[in-house]
Amino acid sequence: AMLIACQILPEDERTHYLKHIKKTHPISLSEELIIEWSINNKKYNMAT
């Protein structure tokens, strides 16, 4: 869910963070697919 939620972060921050997760944590195939999806798909309704 967190990997999906990262989709709303700014592109640079999202990409850096998700690539860091890929390098530093053991991830499953489903998590790898979610990371790639989150990196490549921007959600535009950002708010605090």
All heavy atoms as atom14 arrays in JSON, in Angstrom:
{
  "sequence": "AMLIACQILPEDERTHYLKHIKKTHPISLSEELIIEWSINNKKYNMAT",
  "atom14_mask": [
    [1, 1, 1, 1, 1, 0, 0, 0, 0, 0, 0, 0, 0, 0],
    [1, 1, 1, 1, 1, 1, 1, 1, 0, 0, 0, 0, 0, 0],
    [1, 1, 1, 1, 1, 1, 1, 1, 0, 0, 0, 0, 0, 0],
    [1, 1, 1, 1, 1, 1, 1, 1, 0, 0, 0, 0, 0, 0],
    [1, 1, 1, 1, 1, 0, 0, 0, 0, 0, 0, 0, 0, 0],
    [1, 1, 1, 1, 1, 1, 0, 0, 0, 0, 0, 0, 0, 0],
    [1, 1, 1, 1, 1, 1, 1, 1, 1, 0, 0, 0, 0, 0],
    [1, 1, 1, 1, 1, 1, 1, 1, 0, 0, 0, 0, 0, 0],
    [1, 1, 1, 1, 1, 1, 1, 1, 0, 0, 0, 0, 0, 0],
    [1, 1, 1, 1, 1, 1, 1, 0, 0, 0, 0, 0, 0, 0],
    [1, 1, 1, 1, 1, 1, 1, 1, 1, 0, 0, 0, 0, 0],
    [1, 1, 1, 1, 1, 1, 1, 1, 0, 0, 0, 0, 0, 0],
    [1, 1, 1, 1, 1, 1, 1, 1, 1, 0, 0, 0, 0, 0],
    [1, 1, 1, 1, 1, 1, 1, 1, 1, 1, 1, 0, 0, 0],
    [1, 1, 1, 1, 1, 1, 1, 0, 0, 0, 0, 0, 0, 0],
    [1, 1, 1, 1, 1, 1, 1, 1, 1, 1, 0, 0, 0, 0],
    [1, 1, 1, 1, 1, 1, 1, 1, 1, 1, 1, 1, 0, 0],
    [1, 1, 1, 1, 1, 1, 1, 1, 0, 0, 0, 0, 0, 0],
    [1, 1, 1, 1, 1, 1, 1, 1, 1, 0, 0, 0, 0, 0],
    [1, 1, 1, 1, 1, 1, 1, 1, 1, 1, 0, 0, 0, 0],
    [1, 1, 1, 1, 1, 1, 1, 1, 0, 0, 0, 0, 0, 0],
    [1, 1, 1, 1, 1, 1, 1, 1, 1, 0, 0, 0, 0, 0],
    [1, 1, 1, 1, 1, 1, 1, 1, 1, 0, 0, 0, 0, 0],
    [1, 1, 1, 1, 1, 1, 1, 0, 0, 0, 0, 0, 0, 0],
    [1, 1, 1, 1, 1, 1, 1, 1, 1, 1, 0, 0, 0, 0],
    [1, 1, 1, 1, 1, 1, 1, 0, 0, 0, 0, 0, 0, 0],
    [1, 1, 1, 1, 1, 1, 1, 1, 0, 0, 0, 0, 0, 0],
    [1, 1, 1, 1, 1, 1, 0, 0, 0, 0, 0, 0, 0, 0],
    [1, 1, 1, 1, 1, 1, 1, 1, 0, 0, 0, 0, 0, 0],
    [1, 1, 1, 1, 1, 1, 0, 0, 0, 0, 0, 0, 0, 0],
    [1, 1, 1, 1, 1, 1, 1, 1, 1, 0, 0, 0, 0, 0],
    [1, 1, 1, 1, 1, 1, 1, 1, 1, 0, 0, 0, 0, 0],
    [1, 1, 1, 1, 1, 1, 1, 1, 0, 0, 0, 0, 0, 0],
    [1, 1, 1, 1, 1, 1, 1, 1, 0, 0, 0, 0, 0, 0],
    [1, 1, 1, 1, 1, 1, 1, 1, 0, 0, 0, 0, 0, 0],
    [1, 1, 1, 1, 1, 1, 1, 1, 1, 0, 0, 0, 0, 0],
    [1, 1, 1, 1, 1, 1, 1, 1, 1, 1, 1, 1, 1, 1],
    [1, 1, 1, 1, 1, 1, 0, 0, 0, 0, 0, 0, 0, 0],
    [1, 1, 1, 1, 1, 1, 1, 1, 0, 0, 0, 0, 0, 0],
    [1, 1, 1, 1, 1, 1, 1, 1, 0, 0, 0, 0, 0, 0],
    [1, 1, 1, 1, 1, 1, 1, 1, 0, 0, 0, 0, 0, 0],
    [1, 1, 1, 1, 1, 1, 1, 1, 1, 0, 0, 0, 0, 0],
    [1, 1, 1, 1, 1, 1, 1, 1, 1, 0, 0, 0, 0, 0],
    [1, 1, 1, 1, 1, 1, 1, 1, 1, 1, 1, 1, 0, 0],
    [1, 1, 1, 1, 1, 1, 1, 1, 0, 0, 0, 0, 0, 0],
    [1, 1, 1, 1, 1, 1, 1, 1, 0, 0, 0, 0, 0, 0],
    [1, 1, 1, 1, 1, 0, 0, 0, 0, 0, 0, 0, 0, 0],
    [1, 1, 1, 1, 1, 1, 1, 0, 0, 0, 0, 0, 0, 0]
  ],
  "atom14_positions": [
    [[0.84, -1.21, 0.0], [0.0, 0.0, 0.0], [0.87, 1.25, 0.0], [0.58, 2.23, -0.7], [-0.93, 0.0, 1.21], [0.0, 0.0, 0.0], [0.0, 0.0, 0.0], [0.0, 0.0, 0.0], [0.0, 0.0, 0.0], [0.0, 0.0, 0.0], [0.0, 0.0, 0.0], [0.0, 0.0, 0.0], [0.0, 0.0, 0.0], [0.0, 0.0, 0.0]],
    [[1.95, 1.22, 0.78], [2.88, 2.36, 0.83], [3.53, 2.6, -0.53], [3.69, 3.74, -0.96], [3.93, 2.12, 1.92], [4.91, 3.24, 2.08], [4.11, 4.77, 2.56], [5.5, 5.87, 2.47], [0.0, 0.0, 0.0], [0.0, 0.0, 0.0], [0.0, 0.0, 0.0], [0.0, 0.0, 0.0], [0.0, 0.0, 0.0], [0.0, 0.0, 0.0]],
    [[3.91, 1.53, -1.2], [4.52, 1.66, -2.52], [3.54, 2.29, -3.51], [3.92, 3.11, -4.34], [5.0, 0.3, -3.04], [6.12, -0.36, -2.22], [6.39, -1.76, -2.74], [7.38, 0.49, -2.22], [0.0, 0.0, 0.0], [0.0, 0.0, 0.0], [0.0, 0.0, 0.0], [0.0, 0.0, 0.0], [0.0, 0.0, 0.0], [0.0, 0.0, 0.0]],
    [[2.28, 1.92, -3.4], [1.24, 2.54, -4.23], [1.07, 4.0, -3.85], [1.0, 4.88, -4.71], [-0.1, 1.78, -4.08], [0.01, 0.4, -4.72], [-1.25, 2.58, -4.69], [-1.13, -0.54, -4.37], [0.0, 0.0, 0.0], [0.0, 0.0, 0.0], [0.0, 0.0, 0.0], [0.0, 0.0, 0.0], [0.0, 0.0, 0.0], [0.0, 0.0, 0.0]],
    [[1.02, 4.28, -2.55], [0.8, 5.64, -2.06], [1.92, 6.59, -2.48], [1.69, 7.79, -2.65], [0.64, 5.64, -0.55], [0.0, 0.0, 0.0], [0.0, 0.0, 0.0], [0.0, 0.0, 0.0], [0.0, 0.0, 0.0], [0.0, 0.0, 0.0], [0.0, 0.0, 0.0], [0.0, 0.0, 0.0], [0.0, 0.0, 0.0], [0.0, 0.0, 0.0]],
    [[3.11, 6.08, -2.68], [4.23, 6.93, -3.11], [3.97, 7.57, -4.46], [4.62, 8.55, -4.83], [5.52, 6.12, -3.16], [6.21, 5.79, -1.53], [0.0, 0.0, 0.0], [0.0, 0.0, 0.0], [0.0, 0.0, 0.0], [0.0, 0.0, 0.0], [0.0, 0.0, 0.0], [0.0, 0.0, 0.0], [0.0, 0.0, 0.0], [0.0, 0.0, 0.0]],
    [[3.0, 7.06, -5.17], [2.64, 7.62, -6.46], [2.3, 9.11, -6.36], [2.48, 9.85, -7.32], [1.45, 6.84, -7.02], [0.95, 7.33, -8.35], [-0.4, 6.74, -8.69], [-1.19, 6.43, -7.82], [-0.64, 6.61, -9.96], [0.0, 0.0, 0.0], [0.0, 0.0, 0.0], [0.0, 0.0, 0.0], [0.0, 0.0, 0.0], [0.0, 0.0, 0.0]],
    [[1.82, 9.56, -5.21], [1.42, 10.97, -5.09], [2.58, 11.9, -4.73], [2.4, 13.11, -4.7], [0.27, 11.15, -4.08], [0.71, 10.81, -2.65], [-0.95, 10.35, -4.51], [-0.32, 11.11, -1.59], [0.0, 0.0, 0.0], [0.0, 0.0, 0.0], [0.0, 0.0, 0.0], [0.0, 0.0, 0.0], [0.0, 0.0, 0.0], [0.0, 0.0, 0.0]],
    [[3.74, 11.35, -4.47], [4.9, 12.19, -4.17], [5.43, 12.85, -5.44], [5.23, 12.33, -6.54], [6.0, 11.35, -3.52], [5.66, 10.71, -2.18], [6.78, 9.78, -1.74], [5.36, 11.75, -1.13], [0.0, 0.0, 0.0], [0.0, 0.0, 0.0], [0.0, 0.0, 0.0], [0.0, 0.0, 0.0], [0.0, 0.0, 0.0], [0.0, 0.0, 0.0]],
    [[6.13, 13.97, -5.3], [6.74, 14.59, -6.48], [7.67, 13.6, -7.19], [8.28, 12.73, -6.54], [7.54, 15.76, -5.9], [6.86, 16.07, -4.6], [6.37, 14.75, -4.08], [0.0, 0.0, 0.0], [0.0, 0.0, 0.0], [0.0, 0.0, 0.0], [0.0, 0.0, 0.0], [0.0, 0.0, 0.0], [0.0, 0.0, 0.0], [0.0, 0.0, 0.0]],
    [[7.78, 13.71, -8.48], [8.48, 12.73, -9.3], [9.89, 12.42, -8.83], [10.28, 11.26, -8.7], [8.5, 13.18, -10.76], [9.13, 12.17, -11.68], [9.07, 12.58, -13.14], [8.54, 13.65, -13.46], [9.59, 11.81, -13.96], [0.0, 0.0, 0.0], [0.0, 0.0, 0.0], [0.0, 0.0, 0.0], [0.0, 0.0, 0.0], [0.0, 0.0, 0.0]],
    [[10.7, 13.44, -8.58], [12.08, 13.21, -8.15], [12.15, 12.46, -6.83], [12.91, 11.51, -6.68], [12.84, 14.53, -8.02], [13.13, 15.18, -9.35], [13.01, 14.5, -10.39], [13.5, 16.37, -9.36], [0.0, 0.0, 0.0], [0.0, 0.0, 0.0], [0.0, 0.0, 0.0], [0.0, 0.0, 0.0], [0.0, 0.0, 0.0], [0.0, 0.0, 0.0]],
    [[11.34, 12.9, -5.88], [11.33, 12.26, -4.56], [10.83, 10.82, -4.68], [11.41, 9.9, -4.09], [10.42, 13.04, -3.62], [10.3, 12.44, -2.25], [9.37, 13.21, -1.33], [8.78, 14.22, -1.76], [9.23, 12.79, -0.17], [0.0, 0.0, 0.0], [0.0, 0.0, 0.0], [0.0, 0.0, 0.0], [0.0, 0.0, 0.0], [0.0, 0.0, 0.0]],
    [[9.75, 10.62, -5.41], [9.16, 9.29, -5.6], [10.17, 8.33, -6.23], [10.4, 7.23, -5.73], [7.91, 9.43, -6.48], [7.24, 8.13, -6.81], [5.99, 8.36, -7.65], [6.32, 8.7, -9.01], [5.97, 9.81, -9.64], [5.25, 10.72, -9.03], [6.31, 10.03, -10.88], [0.0, 0.0, 0.0], [0.0, 0.0, 0.0], [0.0, 0.0, 0.0]],
    [[10.78, 8.76, -7.31], [11.73, 7.9, -8.03], [12.92, 7.55, -7.15], [13.32, 6.39, -7.06], [12.19, 8.6, -9.32], [11.03, 8.86, -10.13], [13.16, 7.75, -10.1], [0.0, 0.0, 0.0], [0.0, 0.0, 0.0], [0.0, 0.0, 0.0], [0.0, 0.0, 0.0], [0.0, 0.0, 0.0], [0.0, 0.0, 0.0], [0.0, 0.0, 0.0]],
    [[13.49, 8.55, -6.49], [14.65, 8.31, -5.62], [14.28, 7.35, -4.49], [15.02, 6.39, -4.22], [15.15, 9.64, -5.05], [16.26, 9.47, -4.07], [17.56, 9.18, -4.45], [16.27, 9.52, -2.72], [18.31, 9.07, -3.37], [17.55, 9.27, -2.31], [0.0, 0.0, 0.0], [0.0, 0.0, 0.0], [0.0, 0.0, 0.0], [0.0, 0.0, 0.0]],
    [[13.17, 7.59, -3.84], [12.77, 6.76, -2.7], [12.5, 5.31, -3.14], [12.98, 4.36, -2.51], [11.54, 7.34, -2.01], [11.03, 6.49, -0.89], [11.75, 6.35, 0.29], [9.84, 5.78, -1.01], [11.3, 5.54, 1.33], [9.39, 4.96, 0.02], [10.12, 4.86, 1.18], [9.68, 4.05, 2.19], [0.0, 0.0, 0.0], [0.0, 0.0, 0.0]],
    [[11.75, 5.13, -4.2], [11.39, 3.79, -4.63], [12.6, 3.01, -5.14], [12.72, 1.8, -4.89], [10.28, 3.84, -5.67], [8.93, 4.34, -5.13], [7.93, 4.51, -6.25], [8.39, 3.44, -4.04], [0.0, 0.0, 0.0], [0.0, 0.0, 0.0], [0.0, 0.0, 0.0], [0.0, 0.0, 0.0], [0.0, 0.0, 0.0], [0.0, 0.0, 0.0]],
    [[13.52, 3.68, -5.8], [14.76, 3.01, -6.22], [15.59, 2.62, -5.0], [16.24, 1.57, -4.98], [15.54, 3.87, -7.19], [14.9, 3.92, -8.57], [15.69, 4.76, -9.53], [15.05, 4.71, -10.91], [15.8, 5.49, -11.89], [0.0, 0.0, 0.0], [0.0, 0.0, 0.0], [0.0, 0.0, 0.0], [0.0, 0.0, 0.0], [0.0, 0.0, 0.0]],
    [[15.58, 3.48, -3.99], [16.28, 3.17, -2.73], [15.67, 1.93, -2.08], [16.41, 1.05, -1.61], [16.2, 4.38, -1.79], [16.68, 4.08, -0.41], [18.01, 3.95, -0.09], [15.99, 3.88, 0.75], [18.12, 3.69, 1.2], [16.92, 3.63, 1.72], [0.0, 0.0, 0.0], [0.0, 0.0, 0.0], [0.0, 0.0, 0.0], [0.0, 0.0, 0.0]],
    [[14.35, 1.85, -2.05], [13.67, 0.68, -1.48], [14.09, -0.58, -2.23], [14.39, -1.62, -1.63], [12.14, 0.86, -1.52], [11.68, 1.96, -0.56], [11.41, -0.46, -1.23], [11.93, 1.68, 0.9], [0.0, 0.0, 0.0], [0.0, 0.0, 0.0], [0.0, 0.0, 0.0], [0.0, 0.0, 0.0], [0.0, 0.0, 0.0], [0.0, 0.0, 0.0]],
    [[14.13, -0.49, -3.55], [14.51, -1.65, -4.37], [15.92, -2.14, -4.04], [16.19, -3.34, -4.02], [14.46, -1.27, -5.85], [13.29, -1.81, -6.6], [13.29, -1.33, -8.01], [13.55, -2.43, -8.97], [13.28, -2.07, -10.36], [0.0, 0.0, 0.0], [0.0, 0.0, 0.0], [0.0, 0.0, 0.0], [0.0, 0.0, 0.0], [0.0, 0.0, 0.0]],
    [[16.82, -1.2, -3.78], [18.22, -1.55, -3.51], [18.46, -2.04, -2.09], [19.37, -2.83, -1.86], [19.12, -0.33, -3.75], [19.28, 0.04, -5.2], [20.15, 1.26, -5.35], [20.24, 1.71, -6.79], [20.98, 2.97, -6.94], [0.0, 0.0, 0.0], [0.0, 0.0, 0.0], [0.0, 0.0, 0.0], [0.0, 0.0, 0.0], [0.0, 0.0, 0.0]],
    [[17.68, -1.56, -1.14], [17.99, -1.81, 0.26], [17.07, -2.8, 0.96], [17.33, -3.15, 2.1], [17.98, -0.49, 1.06], [16.68, 0.1, 0.95], [19.04, 0.47, 0.54], [0.0, 0.0, 0.0], [0.0, 0.0, 0.0], [0.0, 0.0, 0.0], [0.0, 0.0, 0.0], [0.0, 0.0, 0.0], [0.0, 0.0, 0.0], [0.0, 0.0, 0.0]],
    [[16.01, -3.24, 0.31], [15.07, -4.17, 0.93], [14.84, -5.37, 0.02], [14.77, -5.2, -1.2], [13.72, -3.48, 1.18], [13.77, -2.41, 2.19], [14.26, -1.15, 1.93], [13.38, -2.39, 3.5], [14.17, -0.41, 3.02], [13.65, -1.14, 3.98], [0.0, 0.0, 0.0], [0.0, 0.0, 0.0], [0.0, 0.0, 0.0], [0.0, 0.0, 0.0]],
    [[14.69, -6.53, 0.6], [14.28, -7.67, -0.24], [12.83, -7.44, -0.67], [11.97, -7.16, 0.18], [14.4, -8.87, 0.7], [14.39, -8.31, 2.07], [14.88, -6.9, 1.98], [0.0, 0.0, 0.0], [0.0, 0.0, 0.0], [0.0, 0.0, 0.0], [0.0, 0.0, 0.0], [0.0, 0.0, 0.0], [0.0, 0.0, 0.0], [0.0, 0.0, 0.0]],
    [[12.57, -7.5, -1.97], [11.21, -7.24, -2.44], [10.72, -8.41, -3.29], [11.5, -9.08, -3.96], [11.11, -5.91, -3.23], [12.04, -5.92, -4.43], [11.38, -4.71, -2.35], [11.85, -4.76, -5.37], [0.0, 0.0, 0.0], [0.0, 0.0, 0.0], [0.0, 0.0, 0.0], [0.0, 0.0, 0.0], [0.0, 0.0, 0.0], [0.0, 0.0, 0.0]],
    [[9.44, -8.61, -3.25], [8.81, -9.68, -4.03], [8.58, -9.18, -5.46], [8.72, -7.99, -5.75], [7.48, -10.07, -3.4], [6.57, -8.99, -3.5], [0.0, 0.0, 0.0], [0.0, 0.0, 0.0], [0.0, 0.0, 0.0], [0.0, 0.0, 0.0], [0.0, 0.0, 0.0], [0.0, 0.0, 0.0], [0.0, 0.0, 0.0], [0.0, 0.0, 0.0]],
    [[8.2, -10.08, -6.31], [7.87, -9.71, -7.69], [6.72, -8.72, -7.7], [6.76, -7.73, -8.45], [7.53, -10.95, -8.52], [7.09, -10.68, -9.96], [8.17, -9.95, -10.74], [6.71, -11.98, -10.65], [0.0, 0.0, 0.0], [0.0, 0.0, 0.0], [0.0, 0.0, 0.0], [0.0, 0.0, 0.0], [0.0, 0.0, 0.0], [0.0, 0.0, 0.0]],
    [[5.71, -8.95, -6.89], [4.58, -8.01, -6.87], [5.02, -6.63, -6.4], [4.59, -5.61, -6.96], [3.45, -8.53, -5.98], [3.86, -8.66, -4.65], [0.0, 0.0, 0.0], [0.0, 0.0, 0.0], [0.0, 0.0, 0.0], [0.0, 0.0, 0.0], [0.0, 0.0, 0.0], [0.0, 0.0, 0.0], [0.0, 0.0, 0.0], [0.0, 0.0, 0.0]],
    [[5.91, -6.56, -5.42], [6.4, -5.26, -4.97], [7.24, -4.58, -6.06], [7.15, -3.37, -6.24], [7.2, -5.43, -3.68], [6.33, -5.82, -2.51], [7.1, -6.31, -1.31], [8.22, -6.84, -1.47], [6.57, -6.18, -0.2], [0.0, 0.0, 0.0], [0.0, 0.0, 0.0], [0.0, 0.0, 0.0], [0.0, 0.0, 0.0], [0.0, 0.0, 0.0]],
    [[8.02, -5.37, -6.77], [8.8, -4.8, -7.87], [7.89, -4.21, -8.94], [8.14, -3.12, -9.46], [9.72, -5.86, -8.48], [10.67, -5.29, -9.51], [11.71, -6.29, -9.97], [11.94, -7.3, -9.29], [12.31, -6.03, -11.02], [0.0, 0.0, 0.0], [0.0, 0.0, 0.0], [0.0, 0.0, 0.0], [0.0, 0.0, 0.0], [0.0, 0.0, 0.0]],
    [[6.82, -4.92, -9.24], [5.86, -4.41, -10.24], [5.16, -3.15, -9.75], [4.96, -2.2, -10.51], [4.83, -5.49, -10.58], [5.39, -6.7, -11.33], [4.34, -7.81, -11.4], [5.9, -6.32, -12.7], [0.0, 0.0, 0.0], [0.0, 0.0, 0.0], [0.0, 0.0, 0.0], [0.0, 0.0, 0.0], [0.0, 0.0, 0.0], [0.0, 0.0, 0.0]],
    [[4.81, -3.12, -8.47], [4.17, -1.92, -7.91], [5.14, -0.74, -7.94], [4.76, 0.38, -8.27], [3.67, -2.19, -6.47], [2.53, -3.2, -6.5], [3.22, -0.88, -5.82], [2.16, -3.74, -5.12], [0.0, 0.0, 0.0], [0.0, 0.0, 0.0], [0.0, 0.0, 0.0], [0.0, 0.0, 0.0], [0.0, 0.0, 0.0], [0.0, 0.0, 0.0]],
    [[6.39, -0.97, -7.62], [7.41, 0.1, -7.66], [7.5, 0.66, -9.07], [7.48, 1.89, -9.26], [8.77, -0.41, -7.17], [8.74, -0.6, -5.64], [9.89, 0.54, -7.56], [9.96, -1.29, -5.07], [0.0, 0.0, 0.0], [0.0, 0.0, 0.0], [0.0, 0.0, 0.0], [0.0, 0.0, 0.0], [0.0, 0.0, 0.0], [0.0, 0.0, 0.0]],
    [[7.62, -0.2, -10.06], [7.7, 0.28, -11.45], [6.46, 1.05, -11.85], [6.53, 2.08, -12.51], [7.95, -0.89, -12.4], [9.32, -1.51, -12.25], [10.46, -0.51, -12.38], [10.44, 0.32, -13.32], [11.38, -0.54, -11.54], [0.0, 0.0, 0.0], [0.0, 0.0, 0.0], [0.0, 0.0, 0.0], [0.0, 0.0, 0.0], [0.0, 0.0, 0.0]],
    [[5.3, 0.56, -11.44], [4.05, 1.25, -11.73], [4.01, 2.63, -11.06], [3.65, 3.62, -11.69], [2.87, 0.39, -11.26], [1.55, 1.06, -11.45], [0.8, 1.11, -12.58], [0.83, 1.79, -10.46], [-0.34, 1.84, -12.35], [-0.35, 2.26, -11.05], [1.07, 2.09, -9.11], [-1.29, 3.01, -10.36], [0.14, 2.84, -8.43], [-1.03, 3.29, -9.05]],
    [[4.4, 2.69, -9.78], [4.38, 3.97, -9.05], [5.36, 4.97, -9.65], [5.07, 6.16, -9.7], [4.7, 3.76, -7.57], [3.65, 3.11, -6.92], [0.0, 0.0, 0.0], [0.0, 0.0, 0.0], [0.0, 0.0, 0.0], [0.0, 0.0, 0.0], [0.0, 0.0, 0.0], [0.0, 0.0, 0.0], [0.0, 0.0, 0.0], [0.0, 0.0, 0.0]],
    [[6.51, 4.5, -10.09], [7.49, 5.4, -10.7], [6.94, 5.98, -12.0], [7.11, 7.16, -12.29], [8.83, 4.67, -10.94], [9.55, 4.44, -9.6], [9.73, 5.46, -11.9], [10.79, 3.57, -9.7], [0.0, 0.0, 0.0], [0.0, 0.0, 0.0], [0.0, 0.0, 0.0], [0.0, 0.0, 0.0], [0.0, 0.0, 0.0], [0.0, 0.0, 0.0]],
    [[6.26, 5.16, -12.77], [5.83, 5.56, -14.11], [4.44, 6.17, -14.19], [4.03, 6.62, -15.27], [5.9, 4.35, -15.05], [7.33, 3.9, -15.23], [8.23, 4.71, -15.44], [7.56, 2.61, -15.12], [0.0, 0.0, 0.0], [0.0, 0.0, 0.0], [0.0, 0.0, 0.0], [0.0, 0.0, 0.0], [0.0, 0.0, 0.0], [0.0, 0.0, 0.0]],
    [[3.69, 6.2, -13.1], [2.33, 6.74, -13.12], [2.15, 7.77, -12.03], [2.19, 7.45, -10.85], [1.32, 5.61, -12.92], [1.3, 4.67, -14.09], [0.75, 4.99, -15.12], [1.95, 3.52, -13.94], [0.0, 0.0, 0.0], [0.0, 0.0, 0.0], [0.0, 0.0, 0.0], [0.0, 0.0, 0.0], [0.0, 0.0, 0.0], [0.0, 0.0, 0.0]],
    [[1.92, 9.0, -12.44], [1.78, 10.12, -11.51], [0.32, 10.33, -11.16], [-0.53, 10.35, -12.04], [2.34, 11.38, -12.19], [2.18, 12.64, -11.41], [3.19, 12.7, -10.3], [3.14, 14.06, -9.65], [2.98, 13.98, -8.24], [0.0, 0.0, 0.0], [0.0, 0.0, 0.0], [0.0, 0.0, 0.0], [0.0, 0.0, 0.0], [0.0, 0.0, 0.0]],
    [[0.01, 10.47, -9.89], [-1.33, 10.84, -9.45], [-1.31, 12.32, -9.16], [-0.46, 12.81, -8.45], [-1.73, 10.05, -8.2], [-3.16, 10.32, -7.81], [-3.64, 9.33, -6.79], [-5.06, 9.69, -6.42], [-5.86, 8.54, -6.13], [0.0, 0.0, 0.0], [0.0, 0.0, 0.0], [0.0, 0.0, 0.0], [0.0, 0.0, 0.0], [0.0, 0.0, 0.0]],
    [[-2.29, 13.07, -9.68], [-2.22, 14.52, -9.64], [-3.01, 15.19, -8.54], [-2.93, 16.4, -8.4], [-2.69, 15.08, -10.99], [-1.71, 14.77, -12.08], [-1.9, 13.72, -12.95], [-0.54, 15.51, -12.2], [-0.98, 13.42, -13.93], [0.39, 15.21, -13.18], [0.16, 14.17, -14.05], [1.08, 13.87, -15.01], [0.0, 0.0, 0.0], [0.0, 0.0, 0.0]],
    [[-3.74, 14.47, -7.71], [-4.53, 15.15, -6.69], [-3.78, 15.26, -5.36], [-4.23, 14.83, -4.34], [-5.88, 14.46, -6.49], [-5.76, 13.09, -5.89], [-4.73, 12.44, -6.0], [-6.81, 12.63, -5.25], [0.0, 0.0, 0.0], [0.0, 0.0, 0.0], [0.0, 0.0, 0.0], [0.0, 0.0, 0.0], [0.0, 0.0, 0.0], [0.0, 0.0, 0.0]],
    [[-2.6, 15.88, -5.4], [-1.79, 16.0, -4.2], [-2.34, 17.09, -3.28], [-2.8, 18.13, -3.72], [-0.34, 16.34, -4.56], [0.33, 15.22, -5.3], [2.09, 15.44, -5.56], [2.34, 17.17, -5.61], [0.0, 0.0, 0.0], [0.0, 0.0, 0.0], [0.0, 0.0, 0.0], [0.0, 0.0, 0.0], [0.0, 0.0, 0.0], [0.0, 0.0, 0.0]],
    [[-2.33, 16.85, -1.99], [-2.75, 17.81, -0.98], [-2.06, 17.45, 0.31], [-1.62, 16.32, 0.5], [-4.27, 17.76, -0.78], [0.0, 0.0, 0.0], [0.0, 0.0, 0.0], [0.0, 0.0, 0.0], [0.0, 0.0, 0.0], [0.0, 0.0, 0.0], [0.0, 0.0, 0.0], [0.0, 0.0, 0.0], [0.0, 0.0, 0.0], [0.0, 0.0, 0.0]],
    [[-1.99, 18.39, 1.21], [-1.48, 18.08, 2.54], [-2.7, 17.88, 3.43], [-3.81, 18.31, 3.12], [-0.61, 19.21, 3.12], [-1.42, 20.37, 3.27], [0.58, 19.49, 2.21], [0.0, 0.0, 0.0], [0.0, 0.0, 0.0], [0.0, 0.0, 0.0], [0.0, 0.0, 0.0], [0.0, 0.0, 0.0], [0.0, 0.0, 0.0], [0.0, 0.0, 0.0]]
  ]
}
